[in-house]
């Protein structure tokens, strides 16, 4: 992982921005015959569009207010990457409205969904696209946010806060870890497929991602 990147919630593995997987996962599907969601991040989606951006602090005012930056240098170096998460389970993935976080930047009030959905903030939880035969049922504008079975929640790399701040990181080879539902707040049928790991080669100016895969 990238060493030495400060963060509002210090973590010895900053690139994961969260807790380590628990040694024992919560209860399995057999205890819940009605069905459970099963979130699976897409490793190919992460690998295809990861890049480095340099941005002036004045253009990141909203991101700074939302604690997406490590320090306040004039120019930030951001490792940007997309994410696409599929619910391949048999029930909706839902979270309680009390987990939403209200922010008043970007010229309007907007809500982030549960910070615990992933190891970086996401702006909402919705059915962005669905497999054939599955219908979209959740949207960012709705009171209830969720992810239906057979549907994907997609975040492009150019979304605000869809990055890791690597301004102080030296060139080298690293592991990028992206994990969904890291605190297991929502029960799933399978927690062993919630993590994507990628090999990251950072030259100091450019970055390449390779060997992205599902891993525990």
C-alpha atoms as a PDB file:
ATOM      1  CA  UNK A   1       0.000   0.000   0.000  1.00  0.00           C
ATOM      2  CA  UNK A   2       0.990   3.639  -0.380  1.00  0.00           C
ATOM      3  CA  UNK A   3       3.059   4.546   2.698  1.00  0.00           C
ATOM      4  CA  UNK A   4       2.927   7.822   4.536  1.00  0.00           C
ATOM      5  CA  UNK A   5      -0.361   9.256   3.264  1.00  0.00           C
ATOM      6  CA  UNK A   6      -2.061  11.187   6.091  1.00  0.00           C
ATOM      7  CA  UNK A   7      -5.824  10.920   6.447  1.00  0.00           C
ATOM      8  CA  UNK A   8      -8.421  12.342   8.866  1.00  0.00           C
ATOM      9  CA  UNK A   9      -8.886   8.828  10.229  1.00  0.00           C
ATOM     10  CA  UNK A  10      -5.304   7.495  10.374  1.00  0.00           C
ATOM     11  CA  UNK A  11      -4.849   3.981   9.061  1.00  0.00           C
ATOM     12  CA  UNK A  12      -1.607   2.020   8.699  1.00  0.00           C
ATOM     13  CA  UNK A  13      -2.875   1.039   5.224  1.00  0.00           C
ATOM     14  CA  UNK A  14      -4.174   4.382   3.849  1.00  0.00           C
ATOM     15  CA  UNK A  15      -4.928   3.118   0.393  1.00  0.00           C
ATOM     16  CA  UNK A  16      -7.667   0.914   1.821  1.00  0.00           C
ATOM     17  CA  UNK A  17      -9.047   3.767   3.971  1.00  0.00           C
ATOM     18  CA  UNK A  18     -10.809   1.441   6.340  1.00  0.00           C
ATOM     19  CA  UNK A  19     -10.765  -1.547   8.603  1.00  0.00           C
ATOM     20  CA  UNK A  20      -9.154  -4.882   7.898  1.00  0.00           C
ATOM     21  CA  UNK A  21     -11.538  -7.725   7.073  1.00  0.00           C
ATOM     22  CA  UNK A  22     -12.800  -9.429  10.191  1.00  0.00           C
ATOM     23  CA  UNK A  23     -11.343 -12.815  10.975  1.00  0.00           C
ATOM     24  CA  UNK A  24     -14.827 -14.334  10.923  1.00  0.00           C
ATOM     25  CA  UNK A  25     -17.572 -13.150   8.616  1.00  0.00           C
ATOM     26  CA  UNK A  26     -21.152 -12.620   9.857  1.00  0.00           C
ATOM     27  CA  UNK A  27     -23.837 -15.256   9.520  1.00  0.00           C
ATOM     28  CA  UNK A  28     -24.231 -17.016   6.181  1.00  0.00           C
ATOM     29  CA  UNK A  29     -27.157 -17.320   3.778  1.00  0.00           C
ATOM     30  CA  UNK A  30     -28.439 -20.505   5.436  1.00  0.00           C
ATOM     31  CA  UNK A  31     -29.776 -18.503   8.386  1.00  0.00           C
ATOM     32  CA  UNK A  32     -31.832 -16.290   6.039  1.00  0.00           C
ATOM     33  CA  UNK A  33     -33.887 -18.397   3.576  1.00  0.00           C
ATOM     34  CA  UNK A  34     -35.680 -15.321   2.162  1.00  0.00           C
ATOM     35  CA  UNK A  35     -32.471 -14.278   0.389  1.00  0.00           C
ATOM     36  CA  UNK A  36     -29.680 -11.758   0.834  1.00  0.00           C
ATOM     37  CA  UNK A  37     -27.817  -9.229  -1.306  1.00  0.00           C
ATOM     38  CA  UNK A  38     -24.303 -10.011  -2.526  1.00  0.00           C
ATOM     39  CA  UNK A  39     -22.123  -7.049  -3.550  1.00  0.00           C
ATOM     40  CA  UNK A  40     -19.294  -7.734  -5.999  1.00  0.00           C
ATOM     41  CA  UNK A  41     -16.951  -4.955  -7.239  1.00  0.00           C
ATOM     42  CA  UNK A  42     -15.740  -5.146 -10.845  1.00  0.00           C
ATOM     43  CA  UNK A  43     -11.917  -5.442 -11.018  1.00  0.00           C
ATOM     44  CA  UNK A  44     -11.781  -4.831 -14.787  1.00  0.00           C
ATOM     45  CA  UNK A  45     -13.618  -1.549 -14.386  1.00  0.00           C
ATOM     46  CA  UNK A  46     -11.036  -0.321 -11.859  1.00  0.00           C
ATOM     47  CA  UNK A  47      -8.101  -1.434 -13.992  1.00  0.00           C
ATOM     48  CA  UNK A  48      -9.321   0.165 -17.210  1.00  0.00           C
ATOM     49  CA  UNK A  49      -9.539   3.783 -16.053  1.00  0.00           C
ATOM     50  CA  UNK A  50      -7.153   4.443 -13.151  1.00  0.00           C
ATOM     51  CA  UNK A  51      -5.020   7.555 -13.617  1.00  0.00           C
ATOM     52  CA  UNK A  52      -3.190  10.393 -11.845  1.00  0.00           C
ATOM     53  CA  UNK A  53      -4.491  13.960 -11.780  1.00  0.00           C
ATOM     54  CA  UNK A  54      -2.840  17.116 -10.476  1.00  0.00           C
ATOM     55  CA  UNK A  55      -5.318  19.682  -9.240  1.00  0.00           C
ATOM     56  CA  UNK A  56      -5.026  23.086  -7.563  1.00  0.00           C
ATOM     57  CA  UNK A  57      -6.507  23.324  -4.107  1.00  0.00           C
ATOM     58  CA  UNK A  58      -8.884  26.149  -5.084  1.00  0.00           C
ATOM     59  CA  UNK A  59     -10.639  23.783  -7.504  1.00  0.00           C
ATOM     60  CA  UNK A  60     -11.093  21.214  -4.719  1.00  0.00           C
ATOM     61  CA  UNK A  61     -12.890  23.417  -2.188  1.00  0.00           C
ATOM     62  CA  UNK A  62     -15.867  21.090  -1.850  1.00  0.00           C
ATOM     63  CA  UNK A  63     -13.608  18.056  -1.561  1.00  0.00           C
ATOM     64  CA  UNK A  64     -11.653  19.762   1.217  1.00  0.00           C
ATOM     65  CA  UNK A  65     -14.886  20.514   3.101  1.00  0.00           C
ATOM     66  CA  UNK A  66     -15.834  16.843   2.774  1.00  0.00           C
ATOM     67  CA  UNK A  67     -12.408  15.712   4.102  1.00  0.00           C
ATOM     68  CA  UNK A  68     -11.277  14.019   0.886  1.00  0.00           C
ATOM     69  CA  UNK A  69      -7.817  15.626   0.979  1.00  0.00           C
ATOM     70  CA  UNK A  70      -4.886  14.630   3.146  1.00  0.00           C
ATOM     71  CA  UNK A  71      -3.194  18.044   3.512  1.00  0.00           C
ATOM     72  CA  UNK A  72      -3.621  21.593   2.223  1.00  0.00           C
ATOM     73  CA  UNK A  73      -0.786  21.932  -0.307  1.00  0.00           C
ATOM     74  CA  UNK A  74      -1.572  24.228  -3.243  1.00  0.00           C
ATOM     75  CA  UNK A  75      -1.386  21.373  -5.765  1.00  0.00           C
ATOM     76  CA  UNK A  76      -2.750  17.947  -4.956  1.00  0.00           C
ATOM     77  CA  UNK A  77      -1.792  14.658  -6.642  1.00  0.00           C
ATOM     78  CA  UNK A  78      -4.837  12.411  -6.880  1.00  0.00           C
ATOM     79  CA  UNK A  79      -4.992   8.718  -7.745  1.00  0.00           C
ATOM     80  CA  UNK A  80      -8.344   8.527  -9.527  1.00  0.00           C
ATOM     81  CA  UNK A  81     -10.150   5.271 -10.234  1.00  0.00           C
ATOM     82  CA  UNK A  82     -13.706   4.246 -11.118  1.00  0.00           C
ATOM     83  CA  UNK A  83     -15.863   1.692  -9.388  1.00  0.00           C
ATOM     84  CA  UNK A  84     -18.747  -0.491 -10.477  1.00  0.00           C
ATOM     85  CA  UNK A  85     -20.475  -2.714  -7.928  1.00  0.00           C
ATOM     86  CA  UNK A  86     -23.013  -5.389  -8.802  1.00  0.00           C
ATOM     87  CA  UNK A  87     -25.601  -6.875  -6.495  1.00  0.00           C
ATOM     88  CA  UNK A  88     -25.582 -10.499  -7.633  1.00  0.00           C
ATOM     89  CA  UNK A  89     -27.605 -11.678  -4.658  1.00  0.00           C
ATOM     90  CA  UNK A  90     -31.313 -12.412  -4.333  1.00  0.00           C
ATOM     91  CA  UNK A  91     -32.416  -9.400  -2.241  1.00  0.00           C
ATOM     92  CA  UNK A  92     -32.023  -5.618  -2.315  1.00  0.00           C
ATOM     93  CA  UNK A  93     -28.975  -4.003  -0.722  1.00  0.00           C
ATOM     94  CA  UNK A  94     -30.502  -1.229   1.406  1.00  0.00           C
ATOM     95  CA  UNK A  95     -29.191   1.195   3.976  1.00  0.00           C
ATOM     96  CA  UNK A  96     -30.987   3.271   6.554  1.00  0.00           C
ATOM     97  CA  UNK A  97     -31.480   7.028   5.866  1.00  0.00           C
ATOM     98  CA  UNK A  98     -29.728   7.816   9.165  1.00  0.00           C
ATOM     99  CA  UNK A  99     -26.478   6.726   7.471  1.00  0.00           C
ATOM    100  CA  UNK A 100     -26.743   9.529   4.901  1.00  0.00           C
ATOM    101  CA  UNK A 101     -24.409  12.503   5.229  1.00  0.00           C
ATOM    102  CA  UNK A 102     -25.653  15.947   4.195  1.00  0.00           C
ATOM    103  CA  UNK A 103     -23.242  18.334   2.411  1.00  0.00           C
ATOM    104  CA  UNK A 104     -24.049  21.859   1.217  1.00  0.00           C
ATOM    105  CA  UNK A 105     -21.248  22.453  -1.262  1.00  0.00           C
ATOM    106  CA  UNK A 106     -21.457  22.206  -5.092  1.00  0.00           C
ATOM    107  CA  UNK A 107     -24.074  25.047  -5.132  1.00  0.00           C
ATOM    108  CA  UNK A 108     -26.744  22.813  -3.617  1.00  0.00           C
ATOM    109  CA  UNK A 109     -27.513  20.451  -0.780  1.00  0.00           C
ATOM    110  CA  UNK A 110     -26.629  16.861  -1.609  1.00  0.00           C
ATOM    111  CA  UNK A 111     -26.418  13.624   0.312  1.00  0.00           C
ATOM    112  CA  UNK A 112     -23.681  11.072   0.429  1.00  0.00           C
ATOM    113  CA  UNK A 113     -24.821   7.539   1.059  1.00  0.00           C
ATOM    114  CA  UNK A 114     -23.356   5.451   3.858  1.00  0.00           C
ATOM    115  CA  UNK A 115     -19.645   6.173   4.263  1.00  0.00           C
ATOM    116  CA  UNK A 116     -19.285   2.511   5.109  1.00  0.00           C
ATOM    117  CA  UNK A 117     -20.443   1.404   1.634  1.00  0.00           C
ATOM    118  CA  UNK A 118     -16.850   1.609   0.491  1.00  0.00           C
ATOM    119  CA  UNK A 119     -13.470   2.788   1.726  1.00  0.00           C
ATOM    120  CA  UNK A 120     -14.000   6.203   0.226  1.00  0.00           C
ATOM    121  CA  UNK A 121     -17.095   8.406   0.108  1.00  0.00           C
ATOM    122  CA  UNK A 122     -19.686   7.743  -2.592  1.00  0.00           C
ATOM    123  CA  UNK A 123     -22.384  10.213  -3.523  1.00  0.00           C
ATOM    124  CA  UNK A 124     -25.381   7.924  -3.515  1.00  0.00           C
ATOM    125  CA  UNK A 125     -26.509   4.341  -3.889  1.00  0.00           C
ATOM    126  CA  UNK A 126     -28.637   3.595  -6.942  1.00  0.00           C
ATOM    127  CA  UNK A 127     -29.354   1.224  -9.823  1.00  0.00           C
ATOM    128  CA  UNK A 128     -27.151   2.818 -12.513  1.00  0.00           C
ATOM    129  CA  UNK A 129     -27.554  -0.074 -14.984  1.00  0.00           C
ATOM    130  CA  UNK A 130     -29.094  -3.545 -14.801  1.00  0.00           C
ATOM    131  CA  UNK A 131     -28.667  -6.883 -16.539  1.00  0.00           C
ATOM    132  CA  UNK A 132     -31.260  -7.836 -19.133  1.00  0.00           C
ATOM    133  CA  UNK A 133     -34.532  -8.770 -17.457  1.00  0.00           C
ATOM    134  CA  UNK A 134     -33.869  -6.655 -14.346  1.00  0.00           C
ATOM    135  CA  UNK A 135     -35.480  -3.247 -13.794  1.00  0.00           C
ATOM    136  CA  UNK A 136     -34.040  -0.147 -12.119  1.00  0.00           C
ATOM    137  CA  UNK A 137     -35.869   0.581  -8.874  1.00  0.00           C
ATOM    138  CA  UNK A 138     -33.560   2.900  -6.902  1.00  0.00           C
ATOM    139  CA  UNK A 139     -32.231   6.372  -7.747  1.00  0.00           C
ATOM    140  CA  UNK A 140     -30.199   9.049  -5.980  1.00  0.00           C
ATOM    141  CA  UNK A 141     -33.218  11.352  -5.933  1.00  0.00           C
ATOM    142  CA  UNK A 142     -35.435   8.849  -4.126  1.00  0.00           C
ATOM    143  CA  UNK A 143     -35.971   8.783  -0.361  1.00  0.00           C
ATOM    144  CA  UNK A 144     -34.801   5.156  -0.221  1.00  0.00           C
ATOM    145  CA  UNK A 145     -31.415   4.395  -1.742  1.00  0.00           C
ATOM    146  CA  UNK A 146     -30.471   0.837  -2.618  1.00  0.00           C
ATOM    147  CA  UNK A 147     -29.101  -1.612  -5.159  1.00  0.00           C
ATOM    148  CA  UNK A 148     -31.429  -4.178  -6.716  1.00  0.00           C
ATOM    149  CA  UNK A 149     -30.416  -7.762  -7.579  1.00  0.00           C
ATOM    150  CA  UNK A 150     -28.933  -7.919 -11.077  1.00  0.00           C
ATOM    151  CA  UNK A 151     -28.098  -4.188 -11.079  1.00  0.00           C
ATOM    152  CA  UNK A 152     -24.900  -2.142 -10.899  1.00  0.00           C
ATOM    153  CA  UNK A 153     -23.953   1.018  -9.024  1.00  0.00           C
ATOM    154  CA  UNK A 154     -21.329   2.816 -11.127  1.00  0.00           C
ATOM    155  CA  UNK A 155     -18.978   5.672 -10.206  1.00  0.00           C
ATOM    156  CA  UNK A 156     -16.770   7.243 -12.849  1.00  0.00           C
ATOM    157  CA  UNK A 157     -13.218   8.239 -11.963  1.00  0.00           C
ATOM    158  CA  UNK A 158     -13.920  11.953 -12.504  1.00  0.00           C
ATOM    159  CA  UNK A 159     -16.470  12.208  -9.661  1.00  0.00           C
ATOM    160  CA  UNK A 160     -15.432  14.441  -6.751  1.00  0.00           C
ATOM    161  CA  UNK A 161     -13.744  12.438  -3.970  1.00  0.00           C
ATOM    162  CA  UNK A 162     -13.438   9.374  -6.223  1.00  0.00           C
ATOM    163  CA  UNK A 163      -9.723   9.310  -5.519  1.00  0.00           C
ATOM    164  CA  UNK A 164      -6.936   8.720  -3.026  1.00  0.00           C
ATOM    165  CA  UNK A 165      -4.717  11.705  -2.238  1.00  0.00           C
ATOM    166  CA  UNK A 166      -1.125  10.571  -2.983  1.00  0.00           C
ATOM    167  CA  UNK A 167       0.621  13.960  -2.921  1.00  0.00           C
ATOM    168  CA  UNK A 168       3.321  12.782  -0.501  1.00  0.00           C
ATOM    169  CA  UNK A 169       3.735   9.286  -1.963  1.00  0.00           C
ATOM    170  CA  UNK A 170       7.081   8.484  -3.643  1.00  0.00           C
ATOM    171  CA  UNK A 171       7.261   6.619  -6.968  1.00  0.00           C
ATOM    172  CA  UNK A 172       7.105   2.846  -6.668  1.00  0.00           C
ATOM    173  CA  UNK A 173       4.981  -0.272  -6.870  1.00  0.00           C
ATOM    174  CA  UNK A 174       1.947  -0.552  -4.622  1.00  0.00           C
ATOM    175  CA  UNK A 175      -1.288  -2.434  -4.023  1.00  0.00           C
ATOM    176  CA  UNK A 176      -4.599  -0.614  -4.393  1.00  0.00           C
ATOM    177  CA  UNK A 177      -7.354  -2.121  -2.260  1.00  0.00           C
ATOM    178  CA  UNK A 178     -11.012  -1.218  -2.826  1.00  0.00           C
ATOM    179  CA  UNK A 179     -13.574  -2.799  -0.490  1.00  0.00           C
ATOM    180  CA  UNK A 180     -17.360  -2.451  -0.434  1.00  0.00           C
ATOM    181  CA  UNK A 181     -19.494  -2.785   2.706  1.00  0.00           C
ATOM    182  CA  UNK A 182     -16.267  -2.954   4.772  1.00  0.00           C
ATOM    183  CA  UNK A 183     -17.906  -2.799   8.192  1.00  0.00           C
ATOM    184  CA  UNK A 184     -20.507  -5.434   7.274  1.00  0.00           C
ATOM    185  CA  UNK A 185     -23.340  -3.096   8.286  1.00  0.00           C
ATOM    186  CA  UNK A 186     -25.608  -4.774   5.733  1.00  0.00           C
ATOM    187  CA  UNK A 187     -25.744  -8.565   5.821  1.00  0.00           C
ATOM    188  CA  UNK A 188     -24.728 -10.317   2.593  1.00  0.00           C
ATOM    189  CA  UNK A 189     -24.763 -13.925   1.468  1.00  0.00           C
ATOM    190  CA  UNK A 190     -21.024 -13.778   0.718  1.00  0.00           C
ATOM    191  CA  UNK A 191     -18.415 -11.398   2.138  1.00  0.00           C
ATOM    192  CA  UNK A 192     -15.428 -13.089   0.474  1.00  0.00           C
ATOM    193  CA  UNK A 193     -15.941 -11.242  -2.838  1.00  0.00           C
ATOM    194  CA  UNK A 194     -16.116  -7.643  -1.548  1.00  0.00           C
ATOM    195  CA  UNK A 195     -12.484  -6.651  -2.186  1.00  0.00           C
ATOM    196  CA  UNK A 196     -10.627  -5.708  -5.363  1.00  0.00           C
ATOM    197  CA  UNK A 197      -6.817  -5.574  -5.271  1.00  0.00           C
ATOM    198  CA  UNK A 198      -4.731  -4.094  -8.097  1.00  0.00           C
ATOM    199  CA  UNK A 199      -1.008  -3.769  -8.743  1.00  0.00           C
ATOM    200  CA  UNK A 200      -0.193  -0.067  -9.081  1.00  0.00           C
ATOM    201  CA  UNK A 201       2.986   1.231 -10.726  1.00  0.00           C
ATOM    202  CA  UNK A 202       3.507   4.919  -9.985  1.00  0.00           C
ATOM    203  CA  UNK A 203       6.303   6.787 -11.777  1.00  0.00           C
ATOM    204  CA  UNK A 204       5.785  10.097  -9.998  1.00  0.00           C
ATOM    205  CA  UNK A 205       3.943  11.465 -13.042  1.00  0.00           C
ATOM    206  CA  UNK A 206       1.876   8.566 -14.351  1.00  0.00           C
ATOM    207  CA  UNK A 207       0.236   5.465 -12.944  1.00  0.00           C
ATOM    208  CA  UNK A 208      -0.731   2.081 -14.397  1.00  0.00           C
ATOM    209  CA  UNK A 209      -3.013  -0.531 -12.849  1.00  0.00           C
ATOM    210  CA  UNK A 210      -2.652  -4.229 -13.586  1.00  0.00           C
ATOM    211  CA  UNK A 211      -3.690  -7.641 -12.271  1.00  0.00           C
ATOM    212  CA  UNK A 212      -6.881  -6.276 -10.702  1.00  0.00           C
ATOM    213  CA  UNK A 213      -8.791  -9.168  -9.148  1.00  0.00           C
ATOM    214  CA  UNK A 214     -11.285 -10.146  -6.490  1.00  0.00           C
ATOM    215  CA  UNK A 215      -9.422 -11.041  -3.309  1.00  0.00           C
ATOM    216  CA  UNK A 216     -10.162 -11.394   0.394  1.00  0.00           C
END
